[in-house]
Amino acid sequence: MKTLLILAFLGTILYNLGAGLYYMLVDDASSKRTVQALTRRVALSVILILGVVFAAYTGLIEFHGVHQG
């Protein structure tokens, strides 16, 4: 479930990045859609990072390193 939530966030972030690129190429200079899409992308990225940090702090997820055999 945690992995699906993180992947959903990443998918939404990539979608907004693509939308920002599309709007930048298609819209005229007076359109605000590019700025709005990129602002949503940054906000989602910050929320995702804070969510992962909070989940690690509370023990919901655990970080692991490379297997040392």
Protein backbone atom coordinates (compact mmCIF):
# COMPACT_ATOMS: atom_id res chain seq x y z
CA MET A 1 0.00 0.00 0.00
CA LYS A 2 2.81 2.40 0.87
CA THR A 3 4.57 1.65 -2.40
CA LEU A 4 1.40 2.29 -4.40
CA LEU A 5 0.89 5.63 -2.67
CA ILE A 6 4.45 6.72 -3.43
CA LEU A 7 4.14 5.53 -7.04
CA ALA A 8 0.85 7.43 -7.40
CA PHE A 9 2.57 10.60 -6.17
CA LEU A 10 5.46 10.07 -8.60
CA GLY A 11 3.04 9.46 -11.48
CA THR A 12 1.14 12.65 -10.67
CA ILE A 13 4.41 14.59 -10.43
CA LEU A 14 5.51 13.29 -13.85
CA TYR A 15 2.09 14.09 -15.31
CA ASN A 16 2.32 17.70 -14.09
CA LEU A 17 5.85 17.98 -15.45
CA GLY A 18 4.65 16.80 -18.85
CA ALA A 19 1.63 19.10 -18.70
CA GLY A 20 3.92 22.03 -17.95
CA LEU A 21 6.08 21.18 -20.96
CA TYR A 22 3.02 20.80 -23.19
CA TYR A 23 1.50 24.10 -22.04
CA MET A 24 4.84 25.84 -22.51
CA LEU A 25 5.01 24.67 -26.12
CA VAL A 26 1.35 25.19 -27.07
CA ASP A 27 -0.02 28.14 -25.09
CA ASP A 28 0.64 31.80 -25.75
CA ALA A 29 2.74 33.96 -23.44
CA SER A 30 -0.22 35.29 -21.44
CA SER A 31 -1.33 31.82 -20.26
CA LYS A 32 -0.71 30.85 -16.64
CA ARG A 33 -1.22 27.09 -17.15
CA THR A 34 2.52 26.36 -17.38
CA VAL A 35 3.22 28.10 -14.08
CA GLN A 36 0.28 26.38 -12.41
CA ALA A 37 1.34 22.91 -13.59
CA LEU A 38 4.92 23.41 -12.44
CA THR A 39 3.76 24.88 -9.12
CA ARG A 40 1.63 21.78 -8.53
CA ARG A 41 4.64 19.60 -9.38
CA VAL A 42 6.85 21.37 -6.85
CA ALA A 43 4.13 21.25 -4.18
CA LEU A 44 3.58 17.52 -4.72
CA SER A 45 7.32 16.88 -4.58
CA VAL A 46 7.60 18.72 -1.26
CA ILE A 47 4.59 16.84 0.14
CA LEU A 48 6.09 13.52 -0.98
CA ILE A 49 9.47 14.26 0.59
CA LEU A 50 7.91 15.42 3.86
CA GLY A 51 5.64 12.37 3.87
CA VAL A 52 8.56 9.98 3.43
CA VAL A 53 10.56 11.73 6.14
CA PHE A 54 7.57 11.61 8.51
CA ALA A 55 6.92 7.94 7.74
CA ALA A 56 10.55 7.10 8.39
CA TYR A 57 10.53 9.09 11.63
CA THR A 58 7.42 7.34 12.92
CA GLY A 59 8.64 3.91 11.83
CA LEU A 60 6.04 3.28 9.14
CA ILE A 61 8.84 2.70 6.64
CA GLU A 62 12.44 1.70 7.19
CA PHE A 63 15.35 2.64 5.00
CA HIS A 64 17.78 -0.08 4.06
CA GLY A 65 21.17 -0.03 2.47
CA VAL A 66 22.86 -2.27 -0.02
CA HIS A 67 23.01 -5.86 1.15
CA GLN A 68 26.28 -6.49 2.95
CA GLY A 69 27.11 -10.16 2.66
